[in-house]
N, C-alpha and C. Protein backbone atom coordinates (compact mmCIF):
# COMPACT_ATOMS: atom_id res chain seq x y z
N MET A 1 258.14 -1.67 -62.23
CA MET A 1 258.66 -1.57 -60.88
C MET A 1 257.70 -2.28 -59.93
N SER A 2 258.23 -3.15 -59.09
CA SER A 2 257.38 -3.90 -58.17
C SER A 2 256.93 -3.00 -57.02
N ARG A 3 255.85 -3.42 -56.37
CA ARG A 3 255.34 -2.64 -55.23
C ARG A 3 256.34 -2.60 -54.09
N ALA A 4 257.03 -3.73 -53.86
CA ALA A 4 258.01 -3.78 -52.77
C ALA A 4 259.13 -2.78 -52.99
N ALA A 5 259.46 -2.49 -54.26
CA ALA A 5 260.54 -1.56 -54.55
C ALA A 5 260.12 -0.11 -54.27
N LEU A 6 258.83 0.14 -54.10
CA LEU A 6 258.37 1.50 -53.81
C LEU A 6 258.73 1.94 -52.40
N LEU A 7 258.88 1.00 -51.49
CA LEU A 7 259.24 1.31 -50.11
C LEU A 7 260.68 0.92 -49.84
N PRO A 8 261.43 1.76 -49.15
CA PRO A 8 262.78 1.36 -48.76
C PRO A 8 262.70 0.11 -47.86
N PRO A 9 263.72 -0.74 -47.90
CA PRO A 9 263.67 -1.99 -47.12
C PRO A 9 263.41 -1.80 -45.63
N VAL A 10 264.00 -0.75 -45.04
CA VAL A 10 263.79 -0.53 -43.60
C VAL A 10 262.33 -0.17 -43.33
N LEU A 11 261.76 0.68 -44.17
CA LEU A 11 260.37 1.08 -43.98
C LEU A 11 259.43 -0.11 -44.20
N LEU A 12 259.71 -0.92 -45.20
CA LEU A 12 258.91 -2.12 -45.44
C LEU A 12 259.01 -3.07 -44.25
N GLY A 13 260.20 -3.21 -43.70
CA GLY A 13 260.38 -4.06 -42.52
C GLY A 13 259.60 -3.54 -41.33
N LEU A 14 259.60 -2.22 -41.12
CA LEU A 14 258.82 -1.63 -40.03
C LEU A 14 257.32 -1.87 -40.23
N VAL A 15 256.87 -1.77 -41.47
CA VAL A 15 255.46 -2.03 -41.77
C VAL A 15 255.11 -3.47 -41.40
N VAL A 16 255.98 -4.41 -41.77
CA VAL A 16 255.73 -5.82 -41.44
C VAL A 16 255.70 -6.02 -39.93
N LEU A 17 256.68 -5.46 -39.22
CA LEU A 17 256.72 -5.61 -37.76
C LEU A 17 255.47 -5.00 -37.10
N LEU A 18 255.06 -3.84 -37.57
CA LEU A 18 253.87 -3.20 -36.99
C LEU A 18 252.60 -3.97 -37.31
N LEU A 19 252.51 -4.52 -38.53
CA LEU A 19 251.34 -5.33 -38.88
C LEU A 19 251.24 -6.57 -38.00
N VAL A 20 252.37 -7.23 -37.78
CA VAL A 20 252.37 -8.42 -36.93
C VAL A 20 251.96 -8.03 -35.50
N GLN A 21 252.47 -6.90 -35.02
CA GLN A 21 252.10 -6.43 -33.68
C GLN A 21 250.61 -6.12 -33.62
N MET A 22 250.08 -5.47 -34.64
CA MET A 22 248.66 -5.12 -34.65
C MET A 22 247.78 -6.37 -34.69
N VAL A 23 248.19 -7.38 -35.43
CA VAL A 23 247.43 -8.64 -35.45
C VAL A 23 247.43 -9.25 -34.06
N GLY A 24 248.57 -9.25 -33.40
CA GLY A 24 248.64 -9.78 -32.03
C GLY A 24 247.73 -9.01 -31.08
N LEU A 25 247.74 -7.68 -31.19
CA LEU A 25 246.86 -6.86 -30.34
C LEU A 25 245.39 -7.14 -30.63
N ALA A 26 245.05 -7.28 -31.92
CA ALA A 26 243.66 -7.55 -32.30
C ALA A 26 243.20 -8.90 -31.77
N VAL A 27 244.04 -9.92 -31.90
CA VAL A 27 243.68 -11.26 -31.41
C VAL A 27 243.49 -11.23 -29.90
N SER A 28 244.37 -10.54 -29.21
CA SER A 28 244.27 -10.45 -27.75
C SER A 28 242.97 -9.76 -27.33
N GLU A 29 242.61 -8.69 -28.01
CA GLU A 29 241.39 -7.95 -27.68
C GLU A 29 240.14 -8.72 -28.08
N LEU A 30 240.13 -9.30 -29.28
CA LEU A 30 238.95 -10.00 -29.77
C LEU A 30 238.58 -11.19 -28.90
N PHE A 31 239.58 -11.93 -28.47
CA PHE A 31 239.32 -13.15 -27.70
C PHE A 31 239.45 -12.93 -26.19
N GLY A 32 239.74 -11.71 -25.78
CA GLY A 32 239.87 -11.41 -24.36
C GLY A 32 240.94 -12.23 -23.67
N LEU A 33 242.05 -12.44 -24.35
CA LEU A 33 243.12 -13.26 -23.80
C LEU A 33 243.89 -12.50 -22.73
N PRO A 34 244.38 -13.20 -21.71
CA PRO A 34 245.15 -12.52 -20.66
C PRO A 34 246.60 -12.27 -21.07
N VAL A 35 246.94 -12.58 -22.31
CA VAL A 35 248.30 -12.40 -22.82
C VAL A 35 248.35 -11.07 -23.57
N PRO A 36 249.37 -10.24 -23.32
CA PRO A 36 249.48 -8.98 -24.05
C PRO A 36 249.58 -9.22 -25.56
N GLY A 37 248.96 -8.33 -26.31
CA GLY A 37 248.96 -8.46 -27.76
C GLY A 37 250.35 -8.42 -28.37
N VAL A 38 251.24 -7.67 -27.75
CA VAL A 38 252.62 -7.59 -28.25
C VAL A 38 253.28 -8.97 -28.18
N VAL A 39 253.02 -9.69 -27.09
CA VAL A 39 253.59 -11.03 -26.95
C VAL A 39 253.01 -11.96 -28.02
N LEU A 40 251.72 -11.85 -28.27
CA LEU A 40 251.11 -12.66 -29.34
C LEU A 40 251.71 -12.31 -30.69
N GLY A 41 252.00 -11.03 -30.91
CA GLY A 41 252.64 -10.62 -32.15
C GLY A 41 254.02 -11.24 -32.31
N ILE A 42 254.79 -11.30 -31.23
CA ILE A 42 256.11 -11.92 -31.28
C ILE A 42 255.98 -13.41 -31.58
N VAL A 43 255.01 -14.06 -30.93
CA VAL A 43 254.77 -15.49 -31.19
C VAL A 43 254.39 -15.69 -32.66
N LEU A 44 253.53 -14.82 -33.18
CA LEU A 44 253.13 -14.90 -34.59
C LEU A 44 254.34 -14.74 -35.50
N LEU A 45 255.21 -13.80 -35.19
CA LEU A 45 256.41 -13.59 -36.00
C LEU A 45 257.31 -14.82 -35.98
N ILE A 46 257.44 -15.45 -34.82
CA ILE A 46 258.24 -16.68 -34.72
C ILE A 46 257.62 -17.79 -35.55
N VAL A 47 256.29 -17.94 -35.45
CA VAL A 47 255.60 -18.98 -36.23
C VAL A 47 255.77 -18.72 -37.72
N LEU A 48 255.62 -17.48 -38.14
CA LEU A 48 255.80 -17.15 -39.55
C LEU A 48 257.22 -17.47 -40.01
N GLY A 49 258.19 -17.28 -39.13
CA GLY A 49 259.58 -17.59 -39.48
C GLY A 49 259.85 -19.08 -39.54
N LEU A 50 259.09 -19.86 -38.79
CA LEU A 50 259.31 -21.31 -38.78
C LEU A 50 258.66 -22.02 -39.96
N LEU A 51 257.58 -21.47 -40.47
CA LEU A 51 256.87 -22.11 -41.58
C LEU A 51 257.54 -21.74 -42.90
N ARG A 52 257.81 -22.74 -43.70
CA ARG A 52 258.53 -22.52 -44.96
C ARG A 52 257.85 -21.52 -45.89
N PRO A 53 256.52 -21.58 -46.09
CA PRO A 53 255.90 -20.63 -47.04
C PRO A 53 255.97 -19.18 -46.59
N THR A 54 256.05 -18.94 -45.29
CA THR A 54 256.04 -17.56 -44.80
C THR A 54 257.38 -17.10 -44.25
N ARG A 55 258.41 -17.87 -44.50
CA ARG A 55 259.74 -17.54 -43.97
C ARG A 55 260.26 -16.21 -44.52
N ALA A 56 259.77 -15.81 -45.68
CA ALA A 56 260.22 -14.55 -46.29
C ALA A 56 259.86 -13.35 -45.42
N VAL A 57 258.87 -13.51 -44.54
CA VAL A 57 258.48 -12.41 -43.66
C VAL A 57 259.67 -11.96 -42.82
N LEU A 58 260.47 -12.91 -42.34
CA LEU A 58 261.64 -12.55 -41.54
C LEU A 58 262.68 -11.82 -42.37
N ARG A 59 262.85 -12.24 -43.62
CA ARG A 59 263.82 -11.56 -44.48
C ARG A 59 263.38 -10.12 -44.76
N VAL A 60 262.07 -9.92 -44.89
CA VAL A 60 261.57 -8.57 -45.13
C VAL A 60 261.71 -7.71 -43.87
N ALA A 61 261.48 -8.31 -42.70
CA ALA A 61 261.54 -7.55 -41.44
C ALA A 61 262.97 -7.29 -40.98
N GLU A 62 263.92 -8.06 -41.47
CA GLU A 62 265.30 -7.97 -40.97
C GLU A 62 265.93 -6.58 -41.09
N PRO A 63 265.77 -5.86 -42.22
CA PRO A 63 266.40 -4.53 -42.29
C PRO A 63 265.91 -3.56 -41.22
N ALA A 64 264.68 -3.73 -40.75
CA ALA A 64 264.17 -2.86 -39.68
C ALA A 64 264.54 -3.41 -38.31
N ALA A 65 264.57 -4.72 -38.18
CA ALA A 65 264.83 -5.34 -36.87
C ALA A 65 266.29 -5.19 -36.45
N THR A 66 267.21 -5.25 -37.39
CA THR A 66 268.63 -5.20 -37.06
C THR A 66 269.02 -3.91 -36.33
N PRO A 67 268.66 -2.72 -36.83
CA PRO A 67 269.01 -1.50 -36.08
C PRO A 67 268.31 -1.44 -34.72
N LEU A 68 267.09 -1.95 -34.64
CA LEU A 68 266.39 -1.95 -33.34
C LEU A 68 267.13 -2.83 -32.34
N LEU A 69 267.60 -3.98 -32.79
CA LEU A 69 268.33 -4.88 -31.90
C LEU A 69 269.68 -4.31 -31.50
N GLN A 70 270.30 -3.54 -32.40
CA GLN A 70 271.59 -2.93 -32.07
C GLN A 70 271.46 -1.90 -30.95
N HIS A 71 270.27 -1.32 -30.81
CA HIS A 71 270.04 -0.31 -29.77
C HIS A 71 269.02 -0.80 -28.74
N LEU A 72 268.97 -2.10 -28.55
CA LEU A 72 268.00 -2.70 -27.64
C LEU A 72 268.13 -2.18 -26.22
N GLN A 73 269.35 -1.90 -25.78
CA GLN A 73 269.54 -1.44 -24.40
C GLN A 73 268.79 -0.14 -24.14
N LEU A 74 268.61 0.70 -25.14
CA LEU A 74 267.88 1.95 -24.95
C LEU A 74 266.40 1.70 -24.67
N LEU A 75 265.88 0.57 -25.16
CA LEU A 75 264.47 0.27 -24.95
C LEU A 75 264.19 -0.16 -23.51
N PHE A 76 265.23 -0.42 -22.73
CA PHE A 76 265.05 -0.79 -21.33
C PHE A 76 265.02 0.42 -20.40
N VAL A 77 265.33 1.61 -20.91
CA VAL A 77 265.36 2.80 -20.07
C VAL A 77 263.96 3.16 -19.55
N PRO A 78 262.92 3.25 -20.39
CA PRO A 78 261.60 3.60 -19.85
C PRO A 78 261.09 2.62 -18.78
N PRO A 79 261.20 1.29 -18.99
CA PRO A 79 260.77 0.40 -17.90
C PRO A 79 261.60 0.59 -16.63
N GLY A 80 262.88 0.86 -16.78
CA GLY A 80 263.73 1.10 -15.60
C GLY A 80 263.29 2.33 -14.83
N VAL A 81 262.95 3.38 -15.54
CA VAL A 81 262.45 4.60 -14.89
C VAL A 81 261.12 4.30 -14.19
N GLY A 82 260.27 3.53 -14.84
CA GLY A 82 258.99 3.16 -14.23
C GLY A 82 259.17 2.37 -12.95
N ILE A 83 260.15 1.47 -12.94
CA ILE A 83 260.42 0.69 -11.73
C ILE A 83 260.87 1.60 -10.60
N VAL A 84 261.75 2.54 -10.91
CA VAL A 84 262.23 3.46 -9.88
C VAL A 84 261.07 4.32 -9.36
N LEU A 85 260.21 4.78 -10.25
CA LEU A 85 259.08 5.61 -9.83
C LEU A 85 258.06 4.84 -9.00
N GLU A 86 257.92 3.55 -9.25
CA GLU A 86 256.94 2.72 -8.53
C GLU A 86 257.59 1.85 -7.46
N MET A 87 258.73 2.28 -6.95
CA MET A 87 259.45 1.48 -5.96
C MET A 87 258.60 1.19 -4.72
N HIS A 88 257.75 2.14 -4.33
CA HIS A 88 256.90 1.91 -3.16
C HIS A 88 255.94 0.75 -3.39
N ALA A 89 255.39 0.64 -4.59
CA ALA A 89 254.49 -0.48 -4.90
C ALA A 89 255.27 -1.79 -4.92
N LEU A 90 256.49 -1.76 -5.43
CA LEU A 90 257.33 -2.97 -5.43
C LEU A 90 257.66 -3.40 -4.01
N ALA A 91 257.91 -2.43 -3.14
CA ALA A 91 258.24 -2.76 -1.75
C ALA A 91 257.06 -3.43 -1.05
N ARG A 92 255.85 -2.96 -1.34
CA ARG A 92 254.66 -3.56 -0.74
C ARG A 92 254.43 -4.99 -1.22
N ASN A 93 254.84 -5.28 -2.44
CA ASN A 93 254.60 -6.60 -3.04
C ASN A 93 255.91 -7.32 -3.30
N ALA A 94 256.86 -7.18 -2.42
CA ALA A 94 258.20 -7.73 -2.65
C ALA A 94 258.20 -9.25 -2.81
N LEU A 95 257.46 -9.96 -1.98
CA LEU A 95 257.47 -11.43 -2.06
C LEU A 95 256.88 -11.94 -3.37
N PRO A 96 255.67 -11.49 -3.78
CA PRO A 96 255.15 -11.98 -5.07
C PRO A 96 256.04 -11.61 -6.25
N VAL A 97 256.61 -10.41 -6.22
CA VAL A 97 257.49 -9.99 -7.31
C VAL A 97 258.75 -10.86 -7.33
N ALA A 98 259.33 -11.11 -6.16
CA ALA A 98 260.54 -11.95 -6.09
C ALA A 98 260.24 -13.37 -6.55
N LEU A 99 259.09 -13.91 -6.16
CA LEU A 99 258.72 -15.26 -6.60
C LEU A 99 258.50 -15.31 -8.11
N ALA A 100 257.85 -14.28 -8.65
CA ALA A 100 257.61 -14.25 -10.09
C ALA A 100 258.91 -14.13 -10.87
N VAL A 101 259.79 -13.25 -10.43
CA VAL A 101 261.08 -13.07 -11.12
C VAL A 101 261.93 -14.33 -10.98
N GLY A 102 262.02 -14.87 -9.77
CA GLY A 102 262.81 -16.08 -9.56
C GLY A 102 262.25 -17.27 -10.32
N GLY A 103 260.93 -17.43 -10.29
CA GLY A 103 260.31 -18.54 -11.01
C GLY A 103 260.50 -18.44 -12.51
N SER A 104 260.33 -17.24 -13.05
CA SER A 104 260.52 -17.08 -14.50
C SER A 104 261.99 -17.28 -14.88
N PHE A 105 262.90 -16.91 -13.99
CA PHE A 105 264.33 -17.14 -14.25
C PHE A 105 264.61 -18.63 -14.34
N VAL A 106 264.09 -19.40 -13.38
CA VAL A 106 264.32 -20.85 -13.37
C VAL A 106 263.70 -21.50 -14.60
N VAL A 107 262.48 -21.12 -14.94
CA VAL A 107 261.82 -21.70 -16.12
C VAL A 107 262.60 -21.36 -17.38
N THR A 108 263.04 -20.12 -17.51
CA THR A 108 263.82 -19.71 -18.68
C THR A 108 265.12 -20.49 -18.76
N LEU A 109 265.79 -20.66 -17.64
CA LEU A 109 267.04 -21.42 -17.61
C LEU A 109 266.81 -22.87 -18.04
N LEU A 110 265.76 -23.49 -17.53
CA LEU A 110 265.46 -24.88 -17.89
C LEU A 110 265.10 -25.02 -19.37
N VAL A 111 264.28 -24.11 -19.88
CA VAL A 111 263.88 -24.17 -21.28
C VAL A 111 265.08 -23.93 -22.18
N ALA A 112 265.93 -22.96 -21.84
CA ALA A 112 267.13 -22.69 -22.65
C ALA A 112 268.05 -23.90 -22.67
N GLY A 113 268.23 -24.56 -21.54
CA GLY A 113 269.06 -25.77 -21.50
C GLY A 113 268.47 -26.89 -22.32
N TRP A 114 267.15 -27.07 -22.23
CA TRP A 114 266.48 -28.11 -23.01
C TRP A 114 266.62 -27.84 -24.51
N VAL A 115 266.41 -26.59 -24.92
CA VAL A 115 266.53 -26.23 -26.34
C VAL A 115 267.96 -26.44 -26.82
N LEU A 116 268.94 -26.05 -26.02
CA LEU A 116 270.34 -26.25 -26.39
C LEU A 116 270.65 -27.72 -26.58
N GLN A 117 270.20 -28.56 -25.65
CA GLN A 117 270.44 -30.00 -25.79
C GLN A 117 269.78 -30.56 -27.04
N ALA A 118 268.55 -30.13 -27.32
CA ALA A 118 267.85 -30.60 -28.51
C ALA A 118 268.59 -30.18 -29.78
N LEU A 119 269.07 -28.93 -29.81
CA LEU A 119 269.79 -28.45 -30.99
C LEU A 119 271.13 -29.17 -31.16
N LEU A 120 271.81 -29.44 -30.06
CA LEU A 120 273.08 -30.17 -30.15
C LEU A 120 272.86 -31.60 -30.65
N ARG A 121 271.79 -32.26 -30.17
CA ARG A 121 271.48 -33.61 -30.67
C ARG A 121 271.16 -33.57 -32.15
N ARG A 122 270.40 -32.56 -32.56
CA ARG A 122 270.04 -32.43 -33.98
C ARG A 122 271.29 -32.20 -34.83
N GLN A 123 272.18 -31.34 -34.34
CA GLN A 123 273.42 -31.06 -35.06
C GLN A 123 274.28 -32.32 -35.16
N ASP A 124 274.34 -33.09 -34.08
CA ASP A 124 275.11 -34.33 -34.08
C ASP A 124 274.53 -35.34 -35.06
N ARG A 125 273.20 -35.43 -35.12
CA ARG A 125 272.57 -36.36 -36.08
C ARG A 125 272.86 -35.95 -37.51
N ARG A 126 272.90 -34.65 -37.77
CA ARG A 126 273.18 -34.19 -39.14
C ARG A 126 274.64 -34.45 -39.52
N ARG A 127 275.54 -34.32 -38.56
CA ARG A 127 276.96 -34.56 -38.85
C ARG A 127 277.27 -36.05 -38.97
N ASN A 128 276.56 -36.88 -38.21
CA ASN A 128 276.79 -38.33 -38.20
C ASN A 128 275.49 -39.07 -38.50
N PRO A 129 275.04 -39.04 -39.77
CA PRO A 129 273.74 -39.63 -40.09
C PRO A 129 273.70 -41.15 -39.94
N GLY A 130 274.82 -41.84 -40.02
CA GLY A 130 274.83 -43.30 -39.96
C GLY A 130 274.80 -43.85 -38.55
N ARG A 131 275.07 -43.00 -37.57
CA ARG A 131 275.14 -43.46 -36.19
C ARG A 131 273.74 -43.57 -35.59
N ALA A 132 273.34 -44.75 -35.16
CA ALA A 132 272.01 -44.96 -34.59
C ALA A 132 272.06 -44.73 -33.09
N GLY A 133 270.93 -44.30 -32.52
CA GLY A 133 270.81 -44.13 -31.08
C GLY A 133 271.49 -42.90 -30.53
N ALA A 134 271.87 -41.95 -31.37
CA ALA A 134 272.55 -40.75 -30.89
C ALA A 134 271.58 -39.76 -30.34
C-alpha cells in the first residue's frame, strides 16, 4: 500500500494546501517581505501548477480545493463583519481606501483583458498553425 493511499484524497489535498501556505508564510517572515505569506503561498501554488514536473501538486490539492471553492462566499463573511465593525476607521481614510480599491480594480481589469487577448491569440495559433502573423 502506498503512503498516499493512507490518507483520504481530501485530507492529502488539505495537507498540500497548508504546506504551501506555510512555505509562503515562512518565506515572508524570513526575508521580511511586505507581502503577506498567504499571497506568497498562492503564488507558489500557481508556479507549481505551471511547471511540468510539479503539476501533480494541483491534482493532489484539487479534492480539497473544490469544496472550498464551492463555499467561497462563506469565506467573505468574516472580512465583511470586520469592515462593518471598523467603519469609523474607513470613514477617516475614505480617500486612500477609495483610491486603492479603484486603482486595484483598474489594474485587475487591464491585466484580465491582456491575459484574455493573449489566450485568444494562443488559441487561434493552435487552431490555425499555418497562418503567419496572427
